[in-house]
Every structure is written in structure tokens, then in C-alpha cells.
């Protein structure tokens, strides 16, 4: 059960990493073609030596590529067509993904080139007594104080994106060669930190008018909700209808309020 739980947490954390990798234009050993769940699954397969020490890799592949239910995705990527023996776990990840992305509104279907859409500053949504300024957006930089401020531009440069994703891959390999990847907490915490550094500036949903939720925030909250749902249902309550039931309280979100933002 411990390996299964660790696999669920990892699936939630990297289920959408394909959205990041697919922004590249280069072709290498890691296939980034097809839908983003396929790219996520191919990432797991390419790094199977790392993930196999603390997760069930075959299950991990299935969970990251089957976290959607809509007809937009072919059958082999839909949760309802997952193998029966693991379908309840696929629904668990899919449900956590839905909860984590539930902020998306009716404007979340705008046709845009996802490879060049930058993360928008959340201040673009503020409603003031005066005209709202032109939205600012974030360039692609590993997270640090000097890169944490948005700028006035509209589209990302694809060559810069390629370099950024290449740097992520290099950092993943460098880190996993230097840490104890046989310890789940060590691997998970380092991967979480790496994703924060590189996906803090990647929008989770590029079809929003103002895509201001980062892929990092979506991934970490999905993983957290996966863990909560697994703990709630693990005592024999893994029925599909029970998992997707949103009328029962299964976890709690804690909200922090930072005052003084108006003066800032």
C-alpha cells in the first residue's frame, strides 16, 4: 500500500508535466508529440530508472496518461477506459485534477498557441476605480528574486523556451544523480523544488484570457488533493461513484490572507 500511495502522490505531481515539455520544438530521446498526457507518460518512461525505486512505474504511466474524461482525448488516454483493476486510482487522480483546476471559467477555451503563451500577472484581474493597466507577463527564468517581476510583452520566444526546457532536463538529471532516489521523501521534495524553479512561470491553462495560475501551483495542489482523497477512500471506499462524489467533505483547503497588498 505504501508504494501505491507514493505512486498516487507522484502521479498528481507530474500528471501535467507534458504541458511544459510540449512547449519545446526540438526532437530528442523524449517524445513530446501527441496530447500532453502522452508526453507526461513518456517522461515517466524515459526516467523510469529514477521513478522505479519508489513507485510502481507501470501504474504511474497509466495514471499520468489517464487523467481526463472528455472525448477530446482518445480512448487510451481517458480515465473511463483505464484497466479495470486500476480504474479507481485513475479516477482518484482525475478527480483531484478537476478540483485543482476548478477556477477555470467560461473563457478557458480561447484559441491560442500554447507554446508561446506566458504566465500573466494576477493583477490583470483586479477591478479598480481607474482604468486597468495593460497586463504584465512573466519571462521564462528559474525562480529567483530578480526574475519574479512581470514585464510588458505578449508572447514567449520559442528559442528561449527550448533552452529553458533543456535546462530543466539537465537539472533533473544532475539532481537525481546526487540524491538518494530510493527515499521517496527525498526524491519528492527535490522534484517539488525543481518544478517550483522551472514551472512557476508556466501557465497551467493557456486558453484563459489571463492565464495567471502557474503549472507549479496546479501540480502541487493536485498532488496534495490526491493524497487526501487516497487517505479518505483507502479503507475500502474505492468505489468510482464515491470517488467522484463532490457532495461529501473529504479534505479542507486552508487559505492565507496577506494584508497590505494595496499599498504595495
C-alpha atoms as a PDB file:
ATOM      1  CA  UNK A   1       0.000   0.000   0.000  1.00  0.00           C
ATOM      2  CA  UNK A   2       2.893   2.374   0.669  1.00  0.00           C
ATOM      3  CA  UNK A   3       4.174   2.066  -2.912  1.00  0.00           C
ATOM      4  CA  UNK A   4       0.651   2.596  -4.217  1.00  0.00           C
ATOM      5  CA  UNK A   5       0.221   5.742  -2.117  1.00  0.00           C
ATOM      6  CA  UNK A   6       3.602   7.087  -3.219  1.00  0.00           C
ATOM      7  CA  UNK A   7       2.644   6.400  -6.832  1.00  0.00           C
ATOM      8  CA  UNK A   8      -0.580   8.371  -6.383  1.00  0.00           C
ATOM      9  CA  UNK A   9       1.282  11.355  -4.931  1.00  0.00           C
ATOM     10  CA  UNK A  10       3.849  11.270  -7.728  1.00  0.00           C
ATOM     11  CA  UNK A  11       1.155  10.936 -10.393  1.00  0.00           C
ATOM     12  CA  UNK A  12      -0.562  14.052  -9.079  1.00  0.00           C
ATOM     13  CA  UNK A  13       2.719  15.953  -9.089  1.00  0.00           C
ATOM     14  CA  UNK A  14       3.780  15.160 -12.656  1.00  0.00           C
ATOM     15  CA  UNK A  15       0.485  14.384 -14.433  1.00  0.00           C
ATOM     16  CA  UNK A  16       0.675  17.616 -16.464  1.00  0.00           C
ATOM     17  CA  UNK A  17       4.428  17.894 -16.909  1.00  0.00           C
ATOM     18  CA  UNK A  18       3.751  17.154 -20.564  1.00  0.00           C
ATOM     19  CA  UNK A  19       2.242  20.641 -20.862  1.00  0.00           C
ATOM     20  CA  UNK A  20       5.678  22.022 -20.035  1.00  0.00           C
ATOM     21  CA  UNK A  21       7.720  19.641 -22.180  1.00  0.00           C
ATOM     22  CA  UNK A  22       5.455  20.055 -25.207  1.00  0.00           C
ATOM     23  CA  UNK A  23       6.427  23.707 -25.497  1.00  0.00           C
ATOM     24  CA  UNK A  24       9.762  22.651 -26.990  1.00  0.00           C
ATOM     25  CA  UNK A  25      10.366  22.469 -30.733  1.00  0.00           C
ATOM     26  CA  UNK A  26      13.305  20.091 -30.634  1.00  0.00           C
ATOM     27  CA  UNK A  27      13.063  16.337 -31.053  1.00  0.00           C
ATOM     28  CA  UNK A  28      15.199  14.148 -28.846  1.00  0.00           C
ATOM     29  CA  UNK A  29      15.023  10.861 -26.980  1.00  0.00           C
ATOM     30  CA  UNK A  30      11.965  12.110 -25.088  1.00  0.00           C
ATOM     31  CA  UNK A  31       8.904  12.167 -27.350  1.00  0.00           C
ATOM     32  CA  UNK A  32       6.818  15.288 -26.789  1.00  0.00           C
ATOM     33  CA  UNK A  33       4.353  14.789 -29.644  1.00  0.00           C
ATOM     34  CA  UNK A  34       0.687  13.916 -29.240  1.00  0.00           C
ATOM     35  CA  UNK A  35      -1.536  15.057 -26.375  1.00  0.00           C
ATOM     36  CA  UNK A  36       0.041  16.333 -23.168  1.00  0.00           C
ATOM     37  CA  UNK A  37      -0.883  13.202 -21.119  1.00  0.00           C
ATOM     38  CA  UNK A  38       1.161  11.143 -23.603  1.00  0.00           C
ATOM     39  CA  UNK A  39       4.120  13.492 -23.158  1.00  0.00           C
ATOM     40  CA  UNK A  40       3.785  13.120 -19.379  1.00  0.00           C
ATOM     41  CA  UNK A  41       3.737   9.329 -19.697  1.00  0.00           C
ATOM     42  CA  UNK A  42       6.781   9.390 -21.984  1.00  0.00           C
ATOM     43  CA  UNK A  43       8.634  11.474 -19.403  1.00  0.00           C
ATOM     44  CA  UNK A  44       7.962   8.782 -16.791  1.00  0.00           C
ATOM     45  CA  UNK A  45       9.140   6.066 -19.182  1.00  0.00           C
ATOM     46  CA  UNK A  46      12.292   7.993 -20.049  1.00  0.00           C
ATOM     47  CA  UNK A  47      13.093   8.462 -16.351  1.00  0.00           C
ATOM     48  CA  UNK A  48      11.853   5.029 -15.243  1.00  0.00           C
ATOM     49  CA  UNK A  49      15.183   4.230 -13.581  1.00  0.00           C
ATOM     50  CA  UNK A  50      14.562   7.101 -11.161  1.00  0.00           C
ATOM     51  CA  UNK A  51      10.858   6.573 -10.509  1.00  0.00           C
ATOM     52  CA  UNK A  52      11.001   2.765 -10.242  1.00  0.00           C
ATOM     53  CA  UNK A  53      12.800   2.906  -6.894  1.00  0.00           C
ATOM     54  CA  UNK A  54       9.859   4.460  -5.039  1.00  0.00           C
ATOM     55  CA  UNK A  55       6.795   3.965  -7.256  1.00  0.00           C
ATOM     56  CA  UNK A  56       5.054   1.350  -9.375  1.00  0.00           C
ATOM     57  CA  UNK A  57       6.222   2.727 -12.740  1.00  0.00           C
ATOM     58  CA  UNK A  58       3.659   0.846 -14.827  1.00  0.00           C
ATOM     59  CA  UNK A  59       0.879   2.229 -12.640  1.00  0.00           C
ATOM     60  CA  UNK A  60       2.456   5.689 -12.695  1.00  0.00           C
ATOM     61  CA  UNK A  61       2.436   5.685 -16.509  1.00  0.00           C
ATOM     62  CA  UNK A  62      -1.230   4.715 -16.587  1.00  0.00           C
ATOM     63  CA  UNK A  63      -2.260   7.357 -14.058  1.00  0.00           C
ATOM     64  CA  UNK A  64      -0.486  10.300 -15.682  1.00  0.00           C
ATOM     65  CA  UNK A  65      -1.823   9.473 -19.141  1.00  0.00           C
ATOM     66  CA  UNK A  66      -5.403   8.835 -17.995  1.00  0.00           C
ATOM     67  CA  UNK A  67      -6.404  11.908 -16.002  1.00  0.00           C
ATOM     68  CA  UNK A  68      -9.066  13.199 -18.419  1.00  0.00           C
ATOM     69  CA  UNK A  69     -12.599  12.071 -19.219  1.00  0.00           C
ATOM     70  CA  UNK A  70     -13.692  14.149 -22.235  1.00  0.00           C
ATOM     71  CA  UNK A  71     -13.998  12.981 -25.844  1.00  0.00           C
ATOM     72  CA  UNK A  72     -11.266  15.463 -26.799  1.00  0.00           C
ATOM     73  CA  UNK A  73      -8.817  12.724 -25.793  1.00  0.00           C
ATOM     74  CA  UNK A  74      -8.668   9.289 -27.476  1.00  0.00           C
ATOM     75  CA  UNK A  75      -9.806   6.234 -25.523  1.00  0.00           C
ATOM     76  CA  UNK A  76      -6.306   5.184 -24.493  1.00  0.00           C
ATOM     77  CA  UNK A  77      -5.949   8.490 -22.623  1.00  0.00           C
ATOM     78  CA  UNK A  78      -9.347   8.543 -20.919  1.00  0.00           C
ATOM     79  CA  UNK A  79      -9.868   7.546 -17.312  1.00  0.00           C
ATOM     80  CA  UNK A  80     -13.053   5.572 -18.021  1.00  0.00           C
ATOM     81  CA  UNK A  81     -11.075   3.243 -20.316  1.00  0.00           C
ATOM     82  CA  UNK A  82      -8.302   2.511 -17.828  1.00  0.00           C
ATOM     83  CA  UNK A  83      -7.758  -1.173 -16.959  1.00  0.00           C
ATOM     84  CA  UNK A  84     -10.458  -2.208 -14.510  1.00  0.00           C
ATOM     85  CA  UNK A  85      -8.028  -3.157 -11.755  1.00  0.00           C
ATOM     86  CA  UNK A  86      -6.588   0.374 -11.553  1.00  0.00           C
ATOM     87  CA  UNK A  87      -9.539   2.431 -12.792  1.00  0.00           C
ATOM     88  CA  UNK A  88     -10.468   3.591  -9.283  1.00  0.00           C
ATOM     89  CA  UNK A  89      -6.976   5.057  -8.847  1.00  0.00           C
ATOM     90  CA  UNK A  90      -7.166   6.754 -12.243  1.00  0.00           C
ATOM     91  CA  UNK A  91     -10.460   8.346 -11.194  1.00  0.00           C
ATOM     92  CA  UNK A  92      -8.817   9.488  -7.990  1.00  0.00           C
ATOM     93  CA  UNK A  93      -6.108  11.391  -9.915  1.00  0.00           C
ATOM     94  CA  UNK A  94      -8.661  12.679 -12.421  1.00  0.00           C
ATOM     95  CA  UNK A  95     -10.918  13.954  -9.646  1.00  0.00           C
ATOM     96  CA  UNK A  96      -8.010  15.672  -7.881  1.00  0.00           C
ATOM     97  CA  UNK A  97      -7.049  17.287 -11.191  1.00  0.00           C
ATOM     98  CA  UNK A  98     -10.622  18.572 -11.619  1.00  0.00           C
ATOM     99  CA  UNK A  99     -10.692  20.027  -8.114  1.00  0.00           C
ATOM    100  CA  UNK A 100      -7.327  21.713  -8.608  1.00  0.00           C
ATOM    101  CA  UNK A 101      -8.375  23.312 -11.906  1.00  0.00           C
ATOM    102  CA  UNK A 102     -11.894  24.307 -10.857  1.00  0.00           C
ATOM    103  CA  UNK A 103     -11.029  28.021 -11.018  1.00  0.00           C
ATOM    104  CA  UNK A 104     -11.228  27.879 -14.815  1.00  0.00           C
ATOM    105  CA  UNK A 105     -14.188  29.808 -16.172  1.00  0.00           C
ATOM    106  CA  UNK A 106     -16.100  30.122 -19.409  1.00  0.00           C
ATOM    107  CA  UNK A 107     -13.209  31.942 -21.097  1.00  0.00           C
ATOM    108  CA  UNK A 108     -10.947  28.903 -20.757  1.00  0.00           C
ATOM    109  CA  UNK A 109     -11.308  27.816 -24.381  1.00  0.00           C
ATOM    110  CA  UNK A 110      -9.640  30.674 -26.248  1.00  0.00           C
ATOM    111  CA  UNK A 111      -7.657  29.524 -29.314  1.00  0.00           C
ATOM    112  CA  UNK A 112      -4.015  30.426 -28.647  1.00  0.00           C
ATOM    113  CA  UNK A 113      -0.601  28.974 -29.469  1.00  0.00           C
ATOM    114  CA  UNK A 114       0.119  27.229 -26.185  1.00  0.00           C
ATOM    115  CA  UNK A 115       3.853  27.203 -26.907  1.00  0.00           C
ATOM    116  CA  UNK A 116       4.129  30.989 -26.750  1.00  0.00           C
ATOM    117  CA  UNK A 117       1.516  31.904 -24.102  1.00  0.00           C
ATOM    118  CA  UNK A 118       3.240  33.359 -20.996  1.00  0.00           C
ATOM    119  CA  UNK A 119       2.001  33.391 -17.424  1.00  0.00           C
ATOM    120  CA  UNK A 120       0.018  36.561 -16.732  1.00  0.00           C
ATOM    121  CA  UNK A 121       0.322  38.619 -13.580  1.00  0.00           C
ATOM    122  CA  UNK A 122      -2.665  38.068 -11.298  1.00  0.00           C
ATOM    123  CA  UNK A 123      -3.016  41.864 -11.044  1.00  0.00           C
ATOM    124  CA  UNK A 124      -4.567  41.771 -14.528  1.00  0.00           C
ATOM    125  CA  UNK A 125      -7.816  40.639 -12.898  1.00  0.00           C
ATOM    126  CA  UNK A 126      -8.043  43.467 -10.372  1.00  0.00           C
ATOM    127  CA  UNK A 127     -11.038  45.778 -10.749  1.00  0.00           C
ATOM    128  CA  UNK A 128     -10.215  49.353  -9.659  1.00  0.00           C
ATOM    129  CA  UNK A 129     -11.867  52.759  -9.856  1.00  0.00           C
ATOM    130  CA  UNK A 130      -9.445  53.682 -12.641  1.00  0.00           C
ATOM    131  CA  UNK A 131      -8.518  52.063 -15.932  1.00  0.00           C
ATOM    132  CA  UNK A 132      -6.786  48.725 -15.546  1.00  0.00           C
ATOM    133  CA  UNK A 133      -3.239  48.878 -16.950  1.00  0.00           C
ATOM    134  CA  UNK A 134      -2.054  46.617 -19.747  1.00  0.00           C
ATOM    135  CA  UNK A 135      -1.484  43.119 -18.300  1.00  0.00           C
ATOM    136  CA  UNK A 136       2.095  42.215 -17.469  1.00  0.00           C
ATOM    137  CA  UNK A 137       3.529  38.756 -18.040  1.00  0.00           C
ATOM    138  CA  UNK A 138       6.479  36.638 -16.936  1.00  0.00           C
ATOM    139  CA  UNK A 139       9.519  35.674 -18.966  1.00  0.00           C
ATOM    140  CA  UNK A 140      10.963  32.174 -18.598  1.00  0.00           C
ATOM    141  CA  UNK A 141      13.577  32.184 -15.849  1.00  0.00           C
ATOM    142  CA  UNK A 142      14.343  29.817 -12.979  1.00  0.00           C
ATOM    143  CA  UNK A 143      12.674  31.350  -9.942  1.00  0.00           C
ATOM    144  CA  UNK A 144      14.786  33.964  -8.171  1.00  0.00           C
ATOM    145  CA  UNK A 145      14.116  37.494  -6.839  1.00  0.00           C
ATOM    146  CA  UNK A 146      15.404  39.246  -9.958  1.00  0.00           C
ATOM    147  CA  UNK A 147      13.060  37.281 -12.254  1.00  0.00           C
ATOM    148  CA  UNK A 148       9.977  37.438 -10.070  1.00  0.00           C
ATOM    149  CA  UNK A 149       8.583  40.636 -11.579  1.00  0.00           C
ATOM    150  CA  UNK A 150       6.431  40.668 -14.743  1.00  0.00           C
ATOM    151  CA  UNK A 151       7.097  42.708 -17.878  1.00  0.00           C
ATOM    152  CA  UNK A 152       5.081  44.191 -20.734  1.00  0.00           C
ATOM    153  CA  UNK A 153       5.110  41.688 -23.608  1.00  0.00           C
ATOM    154  CA  UNK A 154       2.654  39.262 -25.203  1.00  0.00           C
ATOM    155  CA  UNK A 155       4.441  36.143 -26.481  1.00  0.00           C
ATOM    156  CA  UNK A 156       7.347  33.955 -25.444  1.00  0.00           C
ATOM    157  CA  UNK A 157      10.336  33.369 -27.703  1.00  0.00           C
ATOM    158  CA  UNK A 158      10.448  29.716 -28.809  1.00  0.00           C
ATOM    159  CA  UNK A 159      14.249  29.532 -28.813  1.00  0.00           C
ATOM    160  CA  UNK A 160      14.348  30.770 -25.244  1.00  0.00           C
ATOM    161  CA  UNK A 161      11.696  28.179 -24.371  1.00  0.00           C
ATOM    162  CA  UNK A 162      13.818  25.388 -25.865  1.00  0.00           C
ATOM    163  CA  UNK A 163      16.809  26.471 -23.789  1.00  0.00           C
ATOM    164  CA  UNK A 164      14.669  26.706 -20.666  1.00  0.00           C
ATOM    165  CA  UNK A 165      13.274  23.179 -21.058  1.00  0.00           C
ATOM    166  CA  UNK A 166      16.735  21.832 -21.865  1.00  0.00           C
ATOM    167  CA  UNK A 167      17.993  23.394 -18.625  1.00  0.00           C
ATOM    168  CA  UNK A 168      15.165  21.691 -16.722  1.00  0.00           C
ATOM    169  CA  UNK A 169      16.182  18.314 -18.122  1.00  0.00           C
ATOM    170  CA  UNK A 170      19.804  18.895 -17.225  1.00  0.00           C
ATOM    171  CA  UNK A 171      18.878  19.914 -13.686  1.00  0.00           C
ATOM    172  CA  UNK A 172      16.628  16.856 -13.285  1.00  0.00           C
ATOM    173  CA  UNK A 173      19.478  14.540 -14.275  1.00  0.00           C
ATOM    174  CA  UNK A 174      22.024  16.401 -12.144  1.00  0.00           C
ATOM    175  CA  UNK A 175      19.873  16.315  -9.038  1.00  0.00           C
ATOM    176  CA  UNK A 176      18.710  12.706  -9.342  1.00  0.00           C
ATOM    177  CA  UNK A 177      22.316  11.561  -9.681  1.00  0.00           C
ATOM    178  CA  UNK A 178      23.293  13.283  -6.426  1.00  0.00           C
ATOM    179  CA  UNK A 179      20.406  12.420  -4.089  1.00  0.00           C
ATOM    180  CA  UNK A 180      19.067   9.207  -2.582  1.00  0.00           C
ATOM    181  CA  UNK A 181      16.334   8.448  -5.129  1.00  0.00           C
ATOM    182  CA  UNK A 182      15.453   5.331  -3.164  1.00  0.00           C
ATOM    183  CA  UNK A 183      13.987   7.559  -0.465  1.00  0.00           C
ATOM    184  CA  UNK A 184      10.561   8.777  -1.580  1.00  0.00           C
ATOM    185  CA  UNK A 185      10.502  11.882   0.596  1.00  0.00           C
ATOM    186  CA  UNK A 186      13.930  12.931  -0.669  1.00  0.00           C
ATOM    187  CA  UNK A 187      13.001  12.428  -4.325  1.00  0.00           C
ATOM    188  CA  UNK A 188       9.571  14.023  -3.971  1.00  0.00           C
ATOM    189  CA  UNK A 189      10.826  17.117  -2.141  1.00  0.00           C
ATOM    190  CA  UNK A 190      13.645  17.687  -4.628  1.00  0.00           C
ATOM    191  CA  UNK A 191      11.310  17.225  -7.585  1.00  0.00           C
ATOM    192  CA  UNK A 192       8.802  19.600  -5.988  1.00  0.00           C
ATOM    193  CA  UNK A 193      11.556  22.206  -5.594  1.00  0.00           C
ATOM    194  CA  UNK A 194      12.741  21.670  -9.165  1.00  0.00           C
ATOM    195  CA  UNK A 195       9.201  22.126 -10.507  1.00  0.00           C
ATOM    196  CA  UNK A 196       8.836  25.313  -8.488  1.00  0.00           C
ATOM    197  CA  UNK A 197      12.033  26.705 -10.026  1.00  0.00           C
ATOM    198  CA  UNK A 198      11.031  25.897 -13.587  1.00  0.00           C
ATOM    199  CA  UNK A 199       7.228  25.833 -13.801  1.00  0.00           C
ATOM    200  CA  UNK A 200       6.383  28.812 -11.586  1.00  0.00           C
ATOM    201  CA  UNK A 201       6.314  30.885 -14.812  1.00  0.00           C
ATOM    202  CA  UNK A 202       4.405  28.381 -16.970  1.00  0.00           C
ATOM    203  CA  UNK A 203       0.613  28.841 -17.147  1.00  0.00           C
ATOM    204  CA  UNK A 204      -1.441  25.818 -16.190  1.00  0.00           C
ATOM    205  CA  UNK A 205      -4.136  26.624 -18.738  1.00  0.00           C
ATOM    206  CA  UNK A 206      -3.078  28.570 -21.828  1.00  0.00           C
ATOM    207  CA  UNK A 207      -6.660  29.037 -23.046  1.00  0.00           C
ATOM    208  CA  UNK A 208      -7.607  31.547 -20.370  1.00  0.00           C
ATOM    209  CA  UNK A 209      -7.795  35.224 -21.332  1.00  0.00           C
ATOM    210  CA  UNK A 210      -5.476  35.930 -18.386  1.00  0.00           C
ATOM    211  CA  UNK A 211      -3.706  32.639 -17.555  1.00  0.00           C
ATOM    212  CA  UNK A 212      -2.449  33.591 -14.094  1.00  0.00           C
ATOM    213  CA  UNK A 213      -2.339  30.192 -12.346  1.00  0.00           C
ATOM    214  CA  UNK A 214       1.077  28.590 -12.697  1.00  0.00           C
ATOM    215  CA  UNK A 215       1.613  24.978 -13.664  1.00  0.00           C
ATOM    216  CA  UNK A 216       3.584  24.564 -10.439  1.00  0.00           C
ATOM    217  CA  UNK A 217       0.620  25.596  -8.306  1.00  0.00           C
ATOM    218  CA  UNK A 218      -1.668  23.264 -10.245  1.00  0.00           C
ATOM    219  CA  UNK A 219       0.720  20.311  -9.917  1.00  0.00           C
ATOM    220  CA  UNK A 220       1.390  20.669  -6.209  1.00  0.00           C
ATOM    221  CA  UNK A 221      -2.264  21.153  -5.284  1.00  0.00           C
ATOM    222  CA  UNK A 222      -3.293  18.191  -7.442  1.00  0.00           C
ATOM    223  CA  UNK A 223      -0.755  16.016  -5.654  1.00  0.00           C
ATOM    224  CA  UNK A 224      -1.923  17.226  -2.244  1.00  0.00           C
ATOM    225  CA  UNK A 225      -5.563  16.530  -3.105  1.00  0.00           C
ATOM    226  CA  UNK A 226      -4.595  13.109  -4.475  1.00  0.00           C
ATOM    227  CA  UNK A 227      -3.065  12.302  -1.109  1.00  0.00           C
ATOM    228  CA  UNK A 228      -6.153  13.466   0.764  1.00  0.00           C
ATOM    229  CA  UNK A 229      -8.534  11.515  -1.442  1.00  0.00           C
ATOM    230  CA  UNK A 230      -6.448   8.368  -1.178  1.00  0.00           C
ATOM    231  CA  UNK A 231      -6.378   8.560   2.606  1.00  0.00           C
ATOM    232  CA  UNK A 232     -10.125   9.162   2.674  1.00  0.00           C
ATOM    233  CA  UNK A 233     -11.015   6.258   0.385  1.00  0.00           C
ATOM    234  CA  UNK A 234      -8.325   3.717   1.246  1.00  0.00           C
ATOM    235  CA  UNK A 235     -10.431   1.837   3.809  1.00  0.00           C
ATOM    236  CA  UNK A 236     -12.454   0.049   1.145  1.00  0.00           C
ATOM    237  CA  UNK A 237     -14.325   3.053  -0.197  1.00  0.00           C
ATOM    238  CA  UNK A 238     -12.662   2.995  -3.621  1.00  0.00           C
ATOM    239  CA  UNK A 239     -15.954   2.902  -5.494  1.00  0.00           C
ATOM    240  CA  UNK A 240     -15.938   5.120  -8.584  1.00  0.00           C
ATOM    241  CA  UNK A 241     -19.166   6.915  -7.674  1.00  0.00           C
ATOM    242  CA  UNK A 242     -17.841   7.553  -4.186  1.00  0.00           C
ATOM    243  CA  UNK A 243     -14.581   8.976  -5.528  1.00  0.00           C
ATOM    244  CA  UNK A 244     -16.247  11.434  -7.915  1.00  0.00           C
ATOM    245  CA  UNK A 245     -18.894  12.420  -5.356  1.00  0.00           C
ATOM    246  CA  UNK A 246     -18.307  16.119  -4.669  1.00  0.00           C
ATOM    247  CA  UNK A 247     -21.084  16.491  -2.093  1.00  0.00           C
ATOM    248  CA  UNK A 248     -19.100  14.841   0.692  1.00  0.00           C
ATOM    249  CA  UNK A 249     -16.386  16.748   2.568  1.00  0.00           C
ATOM    250  CA  UNK A 250     -13.144  14.807   2.123  1.00  0.00           C
ATOM    251  CA  UNK A 251     -10.442  17.409   2.681  1.00  0.00           C
ATOM    252  CA  UNK A 252     -10.018  21.036   3.674  1.00  0.00           C
ATOM    253  CA  UNK A 253      -8.292  23.888   1.866  1.00  0.00           C
ATOM    254  CA  UNK A 254      -6.553  26.399   4.116  1.00  0.00           C
ATOM    255  CA  UNK A 255      -6.472  29.996   2.860  1.00  0.00           C
ATOM    256  CA  UNK A 256      -3.966  32.594   3.992  1.00  0.00           C
ATOM    257  CA  UNK A 257      -4.621  36.329   3.608  1.00  0.00           C
ATOM    258  CA  UNK A 258      -1.709  38.768   3.187  1.00  0.00           C
ATOM    259  CA  UNK A 259      -2.650  42.331   4.078  1.00  0.00           C
ATOM    260  CA  UNK A 260      -1.018  45.462   2.690  1.00  0.00           C
ATOM    261  CA  UNK A 261      -1.134  44.460  -0.986  1.00  0.00           C
ATOM    262  CA  UNK A 262      -2.978  47.679  -1.872  1.00  0.00           C
ATOM    263  CA  UNK A 263      -0.071  49.925  -0.845  1.00  0.00           C
ATOM    264  CA  UNK A 264       2.408  47.534  -2.471  1.00  0.00           C
END
